[in-house]
Amino acid sequence: MAEQTNLPLEFLVDDLEMIKVIAHNTRLDILQSLKHPKTVKEIAKLLKLPATKLYYHVNLMEKHGLIQVVETNIVSGILEKKYQVVAHNYRIDNRLLTAQPAASQELER
């Protein structure tokens, strides 16, 4: 199982789609809760939200490489996954923040 100490120091957010994924209160809360591996049910209990509402957010974050599966178990015949952040810190690439016509139009949306 991956532990927090084995995580890279930084993850570079280098595209606008990833910024959109991160820039959501629920997903930010999920990221903050995953400093140590947790299942979606454990996250739901911590955030006081129904697990069914979190699966969409967790799957989206995993798809974009913001979190990772670090452990799987079979519980009552169902695959249970534990997720964790991919780095200690997330940083937005400065190039996305400069005044570029295409990037600024996309950010305005």
PDB file of N, CA and C in Angstrom:
ATOM      1  N   MET A   1       0.841  -1.191   0.000  1.00  0.00           N
ATOM      2  CA  MET A   1       0.000   0.000   0.000  1.00  0.00           C
ATOM      3  C   MET A   1       0.879   1.244   0.000  1.00  0.00           C
ATOM      4  N   ALA A   2       0.511   2.232  -0.799  1.00  0.00           N
ATOM      5  CA  ALA A   2       1.259   3.489  -0.853  1.00  0.00           C
ATOM      6  C   ALA A   2       1.001   4.300   0.402  1.00  0.00           C
ATOM      7  N   GLU A   3       2.023   4.890   0.924  1.00  0.00           N
ATOM      8  CA  GLU A   3       1.874   5.723   2.114  1.00  0.00           C
ATOM      9  C   GLU A   3       2.180   7.168   1.764  1.00  0.00           C
ATOM     10  N   GLN A   4       1.718   8.046   2.614  1.00  0.00           N
ATOM     11  CA  GLN A   4       1.881   9.478   2.384  1.00  0.00           C
ATOM     12  C   GLN A   4       3.348   9.847   2.205  1.00  0.00           C
ATOM     13  N   THR A   5       4.248   9.221   2.930  1.00  0.00           N
ATOM     14  CA  THR A   5       5.664   9.583   2.852  1.00  0.00           C
ATOM     15  C   THR A   5       6.261   9.241   1.495  1.00  0.00           C
ATOM     16  N   ASN A   6       5.638   8.322   0.749  1.00  0.00           N
ATOM     17  CA  ASN A   6       6.148   7.940  -0.565  1.00  0.00           C
ATOM     18  C   ASN A   6       5.605   8.825  -1.675  1.00  0.00           C
ATOM     19  N   LEU A   7       4.749   9.749  -1.349  1.00  0.00           N
ATOM     20  CA  LEU A   7       4.138  10.611  -2.353  1.00  0.00           C
ATOM     21  C   LEU A   7       5.127  11.659  -2.845  1.00  0.00           C
ATOM     22  N   PRO A   8       5.030  12.015  -4.139  1.00  0.00           N
ATOM     23  CA  PRO A   8       5.836  13.139  -4.620  1.00  0.00           C
ATOM     24  C   PRO A   8       5.446  14.411  -3.866  1.00  0.00           C
ATOM     25  N   LEU A   9       6.364  15.337  -3.806  1.00  0.00           N
ATOM     26  CA  LEU A   9       6.103  16.585  -3.095  1.00  0.00           C
ATOM     27  C   LEU A   9       5.028  17.409  -3.801  1.00  0.00           C
ATOM     28  N   GLU A  10       5.036  17.386  -5.145  1.00  0.00           N
ATOM     29  CA  GLU A  10       4.154  18.295  -5.880  1.00  0.00           C
ATOM     30  C   GLU A  10       3.568  17.633  -7.123  1.00  0.00           C
ATOM     31  N   PHE A  11       2.323  17.988  -7.426  1.00  0.00           N
ATOM     32  CA  PHE A  11       1.651  17.591  -8.662  1.00  0.00           C
ATOM     33  C   PHE A  11       1.338  18.868  -9.425  1.00  0.00           C
ATOM     34  N   LEU A  12       1.762  18.934 -10.675  1.00  0.00           N
ATOM     35  CA  LEU A  12       1.559  20.134 -11.486  1.00  0.00           C
ATOM     36  C   LEU A  12       0.252  20.019 -12.264  1.00  0.00           C
ATOM     37  N   VAL A  13      -0.676  20.919 -12.001  1.00  0.00           N
ATOM     38  CA  VAL A  13      -1.926  21.005 -12.742  1.00  0.00           C
ATOM     39  C   VAL A  13      -1.614  21.835 -13.970  1.00  0.00           C
ATOM     40  N   ASP A  14      -1.601  21.158 -15.141  1.00  0.00           N
ATOM     41  CA  ASP A  14      -1.098  21.831 -16.331  1.00  0.00           C
ATOM     42  C   ASP A  14      -2.110  21.950 -17.467  1.00  0.00           C
ATOM     43  N   ASP A  15      -3.392  21.721 -17.182  1.00  0.00           N
ATOM     44  CA  ASP A  15      -4.386  22.000 -18.216  1.00  0.00           C
ATOM     45  C   ASP A  15      -5.667  22.540 -17.585  1.00  0.00           C
ATOM     46  N   LEU A  16      -6.412  23.261 -18.389  1.00  0.00           N
ATOM     47  CA  LEU A  16      -7.601  23.955 -17.890  1.00  0.00           C
ATOM     48  C   LEU A  16      -8.683  22.999 -17.411  1.00  0.00           C
ATOM     49  N   GLU A  17      -8.781  21.847 -18.046  1.00  0.00           N
ATOM     50  CA  GLU A  17      -9.795  20.867 -17.643  1.00  0.00           C
ATOM     51  C   GLU A  17      -9.547  20.407 -16.213  1.00  0.00           C
ATOM     52  N   MET A  18      -8.270  20.214 -15.857  1.00  0.00           N
ATOM     53  CA  MET A  18      -7.936  19.818 -14.480  1.00  0.00           C
ATOM     54  C   MET A  18      -8.294  20.910 -13.484  1.00  0.00           C
ATOM     55  N   ILE A  19      -8.089  22.161 -13.877  1.00  0.00           N
ATOM     56  CA  ILE A  19      -8.460  23.275 -12.991  1.00  0.00           C
ATOM     57  C   ILE A  19      -9.969  23.245 -12.734  1.00  0.00           C
ATOM     58  N   LYS A  20     -10.737  22.977 -13.784  1.00  0.00           N
ATOM     59  CA  LYS A  20     -12.190  22.889 -13.626  1.00  0.00           C
ATOM     60  C   LYS A  20     -12.568  21.768 -12.666  1.00  0.00           C
ATOM     61  N   VAL A  21     -11.853  20.654 -12.760  1.00  0.00           N
ATOM     62  CA  VAL A  21     -12.146  19.523 -11.881  1.00  0.00           C
ATOM     63  C   VAL A  21     -11.828  19.876 -10.433  1.00  0.00           C
ATOM     64  N   ILE A  22     -10.699  20.500 -10.206  1.00  0.00           N
ATOM     65  CA  ILE A  22     -10.289  20.846  -8.837  1.00  0.00           C
ATOM     66  C   ILE A  22     -11.154  21.961  -8.254  1.00  0.00           C
ATOM     67  N   ALA A  23     -11.559  22.910  -9.084  1.00  0.00           N
ATOM     68  CA  ALA A  23     -12.240  24.124  -8.608  1.00  0.00           C
ATOM     69  C   ALA A  23     -13.702  23.854  -8.253  1.00  0.00           C
ATOM     70  N   HIS A  24     -13.925  22.925  -7.379  1.00  0.00           N
ATOM     71  CA  HIS A  24     -15.265  22.579  -6.917  1.00  0.00           C
ATOM     72  C   HIS A  24     -15.137  22.296  -5.423  1.00  0.00           C
ATOM     73  N   ASN A  25     -15.992  22.888  -4.625  1.00  0.00           N
ATOM     74  CA  ASN A  25     -15.864  22.764  -3.167  1.00  0.00           C
ATOM     75  C   ASN A  25     -15.836  21.323  -2.687  1.00  0.00           C
ATOM     76  N   THR A  26     -16.722  20.490  -3.207  1.00  0.00           N
ATOM     77  CA  THR A  26     -16.756  19.093  -2.769  1.00  0.00           C
ATOM     78  C   THR A  26     -15.461  18.385  -3.128  1.00  0.00           C
ATOM     79  N   ARG A  27     -14.971  18.616  -4.333  1.00  0.00           N
ATOM     80  CA  ARG A  27     -13.728  17.949  -4.747  1.00  0.00           C
ATOM     81  C   ARG A  27     -12.521  18.465  -3.965  1.00  0.00           C
ATOM     82  N   LEU A  28     -12.516  19.735  -3.631  1.00  0.00           N
ATOM     83  CA  LEU A  28     -11.437  20.257  -2.770  1.00  0.00           C
ATOM     84  C   LEU A  28     -11.487  19.591  -1.398  1.00  0.00           C
ATOM     85  N   ASP A  29     -12.687  19.418  -0.862  1.00  0.00           N
ATOM     86  CA  ASP A  29     -12.836  18.731   0.423  1.00  0.00           C
ATOM     87  C   ASP A  29     -12.356  17.286   0.330  1.00  0.00           C
ATOM     88  N   ILE A  30     -12.681  16.629  -0.779  1.00  0.00           N
ATOM     89  CA  ILE A  30     -12.225  15.250  -0.975  1.00  0.00           C
ATOM     90  C   ILE A  30     -10.705  15.200  -1.012  1.00  0.00           C
ATOM     91  N   LEU A  31     -10.078  16.098  -1.776  1.00  0.00           N
ATOM     92  CA  LEU A  31      -8.611  16.132  -1.835  1.00  0.00           C
ATOM     93  C   LEU A  31      -8.003  16.296  -0.448  1.00  0.00           C
ATOM     94  N   GLN A  32      -8.564  17.204   0.331  1.00  0.00           N
ATOM     95  CA  GLN A  32      -8.021  17.450   1.672  1.00  0.00           C
ATOM     96  C   GLN A  32      -8.210  16.238   2.585  1.00  0.00           C
ATOM     97  N   SER A  33      -9.247  15.457   2.346  1.00  0.00           N
ATOM     98  CA  SER A  33      -9.507  14.293   3.201  1.00  0.00           C
ATOM     99  C   SER A  33      -8.635  13.097   2.832  1.00  0.00           C
ATOM    100  N   LEU A  34      -7.992  13.130   1.677  1.00  0.00           N
ATOM    101  CA  LEU A  34      -7.252  11.964   1.188  1.00  0.00           C
ATOM    102  C   LEU A  34      -5.743  12.046   1.398  1.00  0.00           C
ATOM    103  N   LYS A  35      -5.313  12.712   2.446  1.00  0.00           N
ATOM    104  CA  LYS A  35      -3.883  12.701   2.765  1.00  0.00           C
ATOM    105  C   LYS A  35      -3.456  11.283   3.148  1.00  0.00           C
ATOM    106  N   HIS A  36      -4.397  10.510   3.666  1.00  0.00           N
ATOM    107  CA  HIS A  36      -4.198   9.092   3.973  1.00  0.00           C
ATOM    108  C   HIS A  36      -5.288   8.315   3.246  1.00  0.00           C
ATOM    109  N   PRO A  37      -5.020   7.079   2.841  1.00  0.00           N
ATOM    110  CA  PRO A  37      -5.993   6.314   2.051  1.00  0.00           C
ATOM    111  C   PRO A  37      -7.345   6.159   2.752  1.00  0.00           C
ATOM    112  N   LYS A  38      -8.401   6.321   1.943  1.00  0.00           N
ATOM    113  CA  LYS A  38      -9.767   6.168   2.451  1.00  0.00           C
ATOM    114  C   LYS A  38     -10.657   5.629   1.347  1.00  0.00           C
ATOM    115  N   THR A  39     -11.716   4.941   1.754  1.00  0.00           N
ATOM    116  CA  THR A  39     -12.746   4.517   0.818  1.00  0.00           C
ATOM    117  C   THR A  39     -13.727   5.676   0.641  1.00  0.00           C
ATOM    118  N   VAL A  40     -14.592   5.563  -0.367  1.00  0.00           N
ATOM    119  CA  VAL A  40     -15.601   6.594  -0.573  1.00  0.00           C
ATOM    120  C   VAL A  40     -16.536   6.659   0.644  1.00  0.00           C
ATOM    121  N   LYS A  41     -16.828   5.513   1.232  1.00  0.00           N
ATOM    122  CA  LYS A  41     -17.691   5.512   2.426  1.00  0.00           C
ATOM    123  C   LYS A  41     -17.027   6.253   3.585  1.00  0.00           C
ATOM    124  N   GLU A  42     -15.733   6.078   3.750  1.00  0.00           N
ATOM    125  CA  GLU A  42     -15.013   6.777   4.820  1.00  0.00           C
ATOM    126  C   GLU A  42     -14.987   8.287   4.554  1.00  0.00           C
ATOM    127  N   ILE A  43     -14.799   8.668   3.292  1.00  0.00           N
ATOM    128  CA  ILE A  43     -14.817  10.087   2.930  1.00  0.00           C
ATOM    129  C   ILE A  43     -16.197  10.665   3.216  1.00  0.00           C
ATOM    130  N   ALA A  44     -17.233   9.933   2.825  1.00  0.00           N
ATOM    131  CA  ALA A  44     -18.612  10.387   3.027  1.00  0.00           C
ATOM    132  C   ALA A  44     -18.904  10.616   4.511  1.00  0.00           C
ATOM    133  N   LYS A  45     -18.461   9.709   5.345  1.00  0.00           N
ATOM    134  CA  LYS A  45     -18.675   9.860   6.785  1.00  0.00           C
ATOM    135  C   LYS A  45     -17.946  11.100   7.311  1.00  0.00           C
ATOM    136  N   LEU A  46     -16.711  11.288   6.875  1.00  0.00           N
ATOM    137  CA  LEU A  46     -15.905  12.435   7.299  1.00  0.00           C
ATOM    138  C   LEU A  46     -16.528  13.758   6.857  1.00  0.00           C
ATOM    139  N   LEU A  47     -17.012  13.811   5.606  1.00  0.00           N
ATOM    140  CA  LEU A  47     -17.577  15.046   5.053  1.00  0.00           C
ATOM    141  C   LEU A  47     -19.070  15.210   5.350  1.00  0.00           C
ATOM    142  N   LYS A  48     -19.661  14.190   5.980  1.00  0.00           N
ATOM    143  CA  LYS A  48     -21.091  14.207   6.306  1.00  0.00           C
ATOM    144  C   LYS A  48     -21.946  14.388   5.051  1.00  0.00           C
ATOM    145  N   LEU A  49     -21.597  13.602   4.024  1.00  0.00           N
ATOM    146  CA  LEU A  49     -22.327  13.598   2.764  1.00  0.00           C
ATOM    147  C   LEU A  49     -22.660  12.155   2.400  1.00  0.00           C
ATOM    148  N   PRO A  50     -23.728  11.939   1.622  1.00  0.00           N
ATOM    149  CA  PRO A  50     -24.025  10.570   1.183  1.00  0.00           C
ATOM    150  C   PRO A  50     -22.950  10.066   0.219  1.00  0.00           C
ATOM    151  N   ALA A  51     -22.538   8.820   0.388  1.00  0.00           N
ATOM    152  CA  ALA A  51     -21.520   8.234  -0.480  1.00  0.00           C
ATOM    153  C   ALA A  51     -21.953   8.282  -1.936  1.00  0.00           C
ATOM    154  N   THR A  52     -23.244   8.108  -2.194  1.00  0.00           N
ATOM    155  CA  THR A  52     -23.732   8.110  -3.579  1.00  0.00           C
ATOM    156  C   THR A  52     -23.430   9.426  -4.284  1.00  0.00           C
ATOM    157  N   LYS A  53     -23.390  10.531  -3.551  1.00  0.00           N
ATOM    158  CA  LYS A  53     -23.078  11.828  -4.153  1.00  0.00           C
ATOM    159  C   LYS A  53     -21.580  11.995  -4.414  1.00  0.00           C
ATOM    160  N   LEU A  54     -20.757  11.208  -3.758  1.00  0.00           N
ATOM    161  CA  LEU A  54     -19.306  11.363  -3.896  1.00  0.00           C
ATOM    162  C   LEU A  54     -18.699  10.522  -5.007  1.00  0.00           C
ATOM    163  N   TYR A  55     -19.353   9.441  -5.391  1.00  0.00           N
ATOM    164  CA  TYR A  55     -18.769   8.553  -6.406  1.00  0.00           C
ATOM    165  C   TYR A  55     -18.477   9.297  -7.710  1.00  0.00           C
ATOM    166  N   TYR A  56     -19.373  10.160  -8.144  1.00  0.00           N
ATOM    167  CA  TYR A  56     -19.149  10.930  -9.364  1.00  0.00           C
ATOM    168  C   TYR A  56     -17.869  11.760  -9.253  1.00  0.00           C
ATOM    169  N   HIS A  57     -17.720  12.469  -8.148  1.00  0.00           N
ATOM    170  CA  HIS A  57     -16.565  13.347  -7.941  1.00  0.00           C
ATOM    171  C   HIS A  57     -15.263  12.535  -7.859  1.00  0.00           C
ATOM    172  N   VAL A  58     -15.295  11.434  -7.119  1.00  0.00           N
ATOM    173  CA  VAL A  58     -14.103  10.600  -6.971  1.00  0.00           C
ATOM    174  C   VAL A  58     -13.694  10.009  -8.314  1.00  0.00           C
ATOM    175  N   ASN A  59     -14.663   9.511  -9.081  1.00  0.00           N
ATOM    176  CA  ASN A  59     -14.340   8.950 -10.397  1.00  0.00           C
ATOM    177  C   ASN A  59     -13.763  10.003 -11.336  1.00  0.00           C
ATOM    178  N   LEU A  60     -14.302  11.198 -11.309  1.00  0.00           N
ATOM    179  CA  LEU A  60     -13.801  12.289 -12.140  1.00  0.00           C
ATOM    180  C   LEU A  60     -12.368  12.655 -11.753  1.00  0.00           C
ATOM    181  N   MET A  61     -12.120  12.729 -10.463  1.00  0.00           N
ATOM    182  CA  MET A  61     -10.774  13.065  -9.991  1.00  0.00           C
ATOM    183  C   MET A  61      -9.765  11.962 -10.335  1.00  0.00           C
ATOM    184  N   GLU A  62     -10.200  10.719 -10.241  1.00  0.00           N
ATOM    185  CA  GLU A  62      -9.313   9.612 -10.610  1.00  0.00           C
ATOM    186  C   GLU A  62      -9.036   9.639 -12.114  1.00  0.00           C
ATOM    187  N   LYS A  63     -10.053   9.890 -12.907  1.00  0.00           N
ATOM    188  CA  LYS A  63      -9.903   9.958 -14.365  1.00  0.00           C
ATOM    189  C   LYS A  63      -8.869  11.006 -14.775  1.00  0.00           C
ATOM    190  N   HIS A  64      -8.819  12.121 -14.060  1.00  0.00           N
ATOM    191  CA  HIS A  64      -7.892  13.204 -14.377  1.00  0.00           C
ATOM    192  C   HIS A  64      -6.549  13.080 -13.652  1.00  0.00           C
ATOM    193  N   GLY A  65      -6.356  11.990 -12.936  1.00  0.00           N
ATOM    194  CA  GLY A  65      -5.065  11.733 -12.304  1.00  0.00           C
ATOM    195  C   GLY A  65      -4.793  12.534 -11.050  1.00  0.00           C
ATOM    196  N   LEU A  66      -5.850  13.080 -10.431  1.00  0.00           N
ATOM    197  CA  LEU A  66      -5.670  13.891  -9.222  1.00  0.00           C
ATOM    198  C   LEU A  66      -5.624  13.044  -7.952  1.00  0.00           C
ATOM    199  N   ILE A  67      -6.241  11.874  -8.011  1.00  0.00           N
ATOM    200  CA  ILE A  67      -6.177  10.909  -6.916  1.00  0.00           C
ATOM    201  C   ILE A  67      -5.902   9.541  -7.534  1.00  0.00           C
ATOM    202  N   GLN A  68      -5.508   8.593  -6.692  1.00  0.00           N
ATOM    203  CA  GLN A  68      -5.177   7.268  -7.201  1.00  0.00           C
ATOM    204  C   GLN A  68      -5.710   6.188  -6.268  1.00  0.00           C
ATOM    205  N   VAL A  69      -5.970   5.013  -6.834  1.00  0.00           N
ATOM    206  CA  VAL A  69      -6.352   3.848  -6.042  1.00  0.00           C
ATOM    207  C   VAL A  69      -5.067   3.269  -5.472  1.00  0.00           C
ATOM    208  N   VAL A  70      -5.029   3.089  -4.162  1.00  0.00           N
ATOM    209  CA  VAL A  70      -3.818   2.557  -3.532  1.00  0.00           C
ATOM    210  C   VAL A  70      -4.044   1.188  -2.901  1.00  0.00           C
ATOM    211  N   GLU A  71      -5.314   0.771  -2.832  1.00  0.00           N
ATOM    212  CA  GLU A  71      -5.618  -0.533  -2.239  1.00  0.00           C
ATOM    213  C   GLU A  71      -7.000  -0.969  -2.706  1.00  0.00           C
ATOM    214  N   THR A  72      -7.161  -2.265  -2.938  1.00  0.00           N
ATOM    215  CA  THR A  72      -8.473  -2.809  -3.259  1.00  0.00           C
ATOM    216  C   THR A  72      -8.729  -4.028  -2.386  1.00  0.00           C
ATOM    217  N   ASN A  73      -9.982  -4.203  -1.998  1.00  0.00           N
ATOM    218  CA  ASN A  73     -10.409  -5.346  -1.200  1.00  0.00           C
ATOM    219  C   ASN A  73     -11.779  -5.789  -1.692  1.00  0.00           C
ATOM    220  N   ILE A  74     -12.069  -7.075  -1.534  1.00  0.00           N
ATOM    221  CA  ILE A  74     -13.412  -7.580  -1.807  1.00  0.00           C
ATOM    222  C   ILE A  74     -14.153  -7.616  -0.473  1.00  0.00           C
ATOM    223  N   VAL A  75     -15.256  -6.858  -0.395  1.00  0.00           N
ATOM    224  CA  VAL A  75     -16.063  -6.800   0.819  1.00  0.00           C
ATOM    225  C   VAL A  75     -17.480  -7.212   0.440  1.00  0.00           C
ATOM    226  N   SER A  76     -17.934  -8.330   0.971  1.00  0.00           N
ATOM    227  CA  SER A  76     -19.262  -8.875   0.659  1.00  0.00           C
ATOM    228  C   SER A  76     -19.462  -9.005  -0.849  1.00  0.00           C
ATOM    229  N   GLY A  77     -18.417  -9.437  -1.548  1.00  0.00           N
ATOM    230  CA  GLY A  77     -18.500  -9.648  -2.982  1.00  0.00           C
ATOM    231  C   GLY A  77     -18.394  -8.387  -3.824  1.00  0.00           C
ATOM    232  N   ILE A  78     -18.146  -7.257  -3.203  1.00  0.00           N
ATOM    233  CA  ILE A  78     -18.050  -5.976  -3.915  1.00  0.00           C
ATOM    234  C   ILE A  78     -16.620  -5.460  -3.800  1.00  0.00           C
ATOM    235  N   LEU A  79     -16.100  -4.964  -4.922  1.00  0.00           N
ATOM    236  CA  LEU A  79     -14.750  -4.407  -4.923  1.00  0.00           C
ATOM    237  C   LEU A  79     -14.752  -3.059  -4.221  1.00  0.00           C
ATOM    238  N   GLU A  80     -13.982  -2.965  -3.152  1.00  0.00           N
ATOM    239  CA  GLU A  80     -13.851  -1.712  -2.393  1.00  0.00           C
ATOM    240  C   GLU A  80     -12.479  -1.128  -2.691  1.00  0.00           C
ATOM    241  N   LYS A  81     -12.448   0.151  -3.052  1.00  0.00           N
ATOM    242  CA  LYS A  81     -11.190   0.824  -3.381  1.00  0.00           C
ATOM    243  C   LYS A  81     -10.858   1.860  -2.327  1.00  0.00           C
ATOM    244  N   LYS A  82      -9.564   1.950  -2.022  1.00  0.00           N
ATOM    245  CA  LYS A  82      -9.081   3.038  -1.168  1.00  0.00           C
ATOM    246  C   LYS A  82      -8.314   3.999  -2.060  1.00  0.00           C
ATOM    247  N   TYR A  83      -8.611   5.282  -1.889  1.00  0.00           N
ATOM    248  CA  TYR A  83      -8.017   6.334  -2.705  1.00  0.00           C
ATOM    249  C   TYR A  83      -7.085   7.186  -1.863  1.00  0.00           C
ATOM    250  N   GLN A  84      -6.145   7.834  -2.549  1.00  0.00           N
ATOM    251  CA  GLN A  84      -5.234   8.765  -1.892  1.00  0.00           C
ATOM    252  C   GLN A  84      -4.819   9.824  -2.909  1.00  0.00           C
ATOM    253  N   VAL A  85      -4.417  10.980  -2.406  1.00  0.00           N
ATOM    254  CA  VAL A  85      -3.894  12.032  -3.281  1.00  0.00           C
ATOM    255  C   VAL A  85      -2.645  11.509  -3.992  1.00  0.00           C
ATOM    256  N   VAL A  86      -2.278  12.137  -5.098  1.00  0.00           N
ATOM    257  CA  VAL A  86      -1.095  11.707  -5.845  1.00  0.00           C
ATOM    258  C   VAL A  86       0.162  12.472  -5.452  1.00  0.00           C
ATOM    259  N   ALA A  87       0.013  13.529  -4.649  1.00  0.00           N
ATOM    260  CA  ALA A  87       1.162  14.318  -4.197  1.00  0.00           C
ATOM    261  C   ALA A  87       0.778  15.075  -2.931  1.00  0.00           C
ATOM    262  N   HIS A  88       1.773  15.552  -2.233  1.00  0.00           N
ATOM    263  CA  HIS A  88       1.522  16.340  -1.020  1.00  0.00           C
ATOM    264  C   HIS A  88       0.867  17.677  -1.343  1.00  0.00           C
ATOM    265  N   ASN A  89       1.273  18.277  -2.467  1.00  0.00           N
ATOM    266  CA  ASN A  89       0.758  19.594  -2.868  1.00  0.00           C
ATOM    267  C   ASN A  89       0.374  19.581  -4.338  1.00  0.00           C
ATOM    268  N   TYR A  90      -0.585  20.435  -4.664  1.00  0.00           N
ATOM    269  CA  TYR A  90      -1.005  20.621  -6.055  1.00  0.00           C
ATOM    270  C   TYR A  90      -0.692  22.065  -6.425  1.00  0.00           C
ATOM    271  N   ARG A  91      -0.066  22.246  -7.594  1.00  0.00           N
ATOM    272  CA  ARG A  91       0.312  23.588  -8.033  1.00  0.00           C
ATOM    273  C   ARG A  91      -0.173  23.804  -9.449  1.00  0.00           C
ATOM    274  N   ILE A  92      -0.746  24.977  -9.708  1.00  0.00           N
ATOM    275  CA  ILE A  92      -1.212  25.329 -11.047  1.00  0.00           C
ATOM    276  C   ILE A  92      -0.039  25.860 -11.842  1.00  0.00           C
ATOM    277  N   ASP A  93       0.135  25.326 -13.035  1.00  0.00           N
ATOM    278  CA  ASP A  93       1.209  25.756 -13.932  1.00  0.00           C
ATOM    279  C   ASP A  93       1.024  27.242 -14.238  1.00  0.00           C
ATOM    280  N   ASN A  94       2.065  28.029 -14.027  1.00  0.00           N
ATOM    281  CA  ASN A  94       2.007  29.483 -14.249  1.00  0.00           C
ATOM    282  C   ASN A  94       1.621  29.845 -15.678  1.00  0.00           C
ATOM    283  N   ARG A  95       1.941  28.997 -16.633  1.00  0.00           N
ATOM    284  CA  ARG A  95       1.593  29.287 -18.027  1.00  0.00           C
ATOM    285  C   ARG A  95       0.080  29.382 -18.228  1.00  0.00           C
ATOM    286  N   LEU A  96      -0.686  28.703 -17.393  1.00  0.00           N
ATOM    287  CA  LEU A  96      -2.144  28.781 -17.493  1.00  0.00           C
ATOM    288  C   LEU A  96      -2.678  30.105 -16.965  1.00  0.00           C
ATOM    289  N   LEU A  97      -1.866  30.796 -16.190  1.00  0.00           N
ATOM    290  CA  LEU A  97      -2.305  32.036 -15.566  1.00  0.00           C
ATOM    291  C   LEU A  97      -1.852  33.282 -16.321  1.00  0.00           C
ATOM    292  N   THR A  98      -1.067  33.112 -17.378  1.00  0.00           N
ATOM    293  CA  THR A  98      -0.615  34.260 -18.164  1.00  0.00           C
ATOM    294  C   THR A  98      -1.685  34.654 -19.172  1.00  0.00           C
ATOM    295  N   ALA A  99      -1.610  35.845 -19.654  1.00  0.00           N
ATOM    296  CA  ALA A  99      -2.602  36.372 -20.596  1.00  0.00           C
ATOM    297  C   ALA A  99      -2.352  35.829 -21.992  1.00  0.00           C
ATOM    298  N   GLN A 100      -2.959  34.696 -22.281  1.00  0.00           N
ATOM    299  CA  GLN A 100      -2.915  34.113 -23.615  1.00  0.00           C
ATOM    300  C   GLN A 100      -4.341  34.135 -24.138  1.00  0.00           C
ATOM    301  N   PRO A 101      -4.561  34.556 -25.370  1.00  0.00           N
ATOM    302  CA  PRO A 101      -5.924  34.699 -25.882  1.00  0.00           C
ATOM    303  C   PRO A 101      -6.786  33.450 -25.704  1.00  0.00           C
ATOM    304  N   ALA A 102      -6.308  32.289 -26.100  1.00  0.00           N
ATOM    305  CA  ALA A 102      -7.119  31.075 -25.999  1.00  0.00           C
ATOM    306  C   ALA A 102      -7.350  30.696 -24.545  1.00  0.00           C
ATOM    307  N   ALA A 103      -6.303  30.800 -23.739  1.00  0.00           N
ATOM    308  CA  ALA A 103      -6.424  30.425 -22.332  1.00  0.00           C
ATOM    309  C   ALA A 103      -7.351  31.378 -21.585  1.00  0.00           C
ATOM    310  N   SER A 104      -7.243  32.673 -21.836  1.00  0.00           N
ATOM    311  CA  SER A 104      -8.090  33.619 -21.108  1.00  0.00           C
ATOM    312  C   SER A 104      -9.553  33.476 -21.508  1.00  0.00           C
ATOM    313  N   GLN A 105      -9.827  33.158 -22.756  1.00  0.00           N
ATOM    314  CA  GLN A 105     -11.210  32.920 -23.170  1.00  0.00           C
ATOM    315  C   GLN A 105     -11.777  31.694 -22.479  1.00  0.00           C
ATOM    316  N   GLU A 106     -10.959  30.654 -22.387  1.00  0.00           N
ATOM    317  CA  GLU A 106     -11.393  29.415 -21.743  1.00  0.00           C
ATOM    318  C   GLU A 106     -11.607  29.628 -20.241  1.00  0.00           C
ATOM    319  N   LEU A 107     -10.732  30.381 -19.593  1.00  0.00           N
ATOM    320  CA  LEU A 107     -10.888  30.661 -18.176  1.00  0.00           C
ATOM    321  C   LEU A 107     -12.126  31.492 -17.884  1.00  0.00           C
ATOM    322  N   GLU A 108     -12.475  32.410 -18.788  1.00  0.00           N
ATOM    323  CA  GLU A 108     -13.661  33.233 -18.594  1.00  0.00           C
ATOM    324  C   GLU A 108     -14.924  32.390 -18.569  1.00  0.00           C
ATOM    325  N   ARG A 109     -14.942  31.327 -19.376  1.00  0.00           N
ATOM    326  CA  ARG A 109     -16.090  30.422 -19.383  1.00  0.00           C
ATOM    327  C   ARG A 109     -16.195  29.724 -18.068  1.00  0.00           C
TER     328      ARG A 109
END
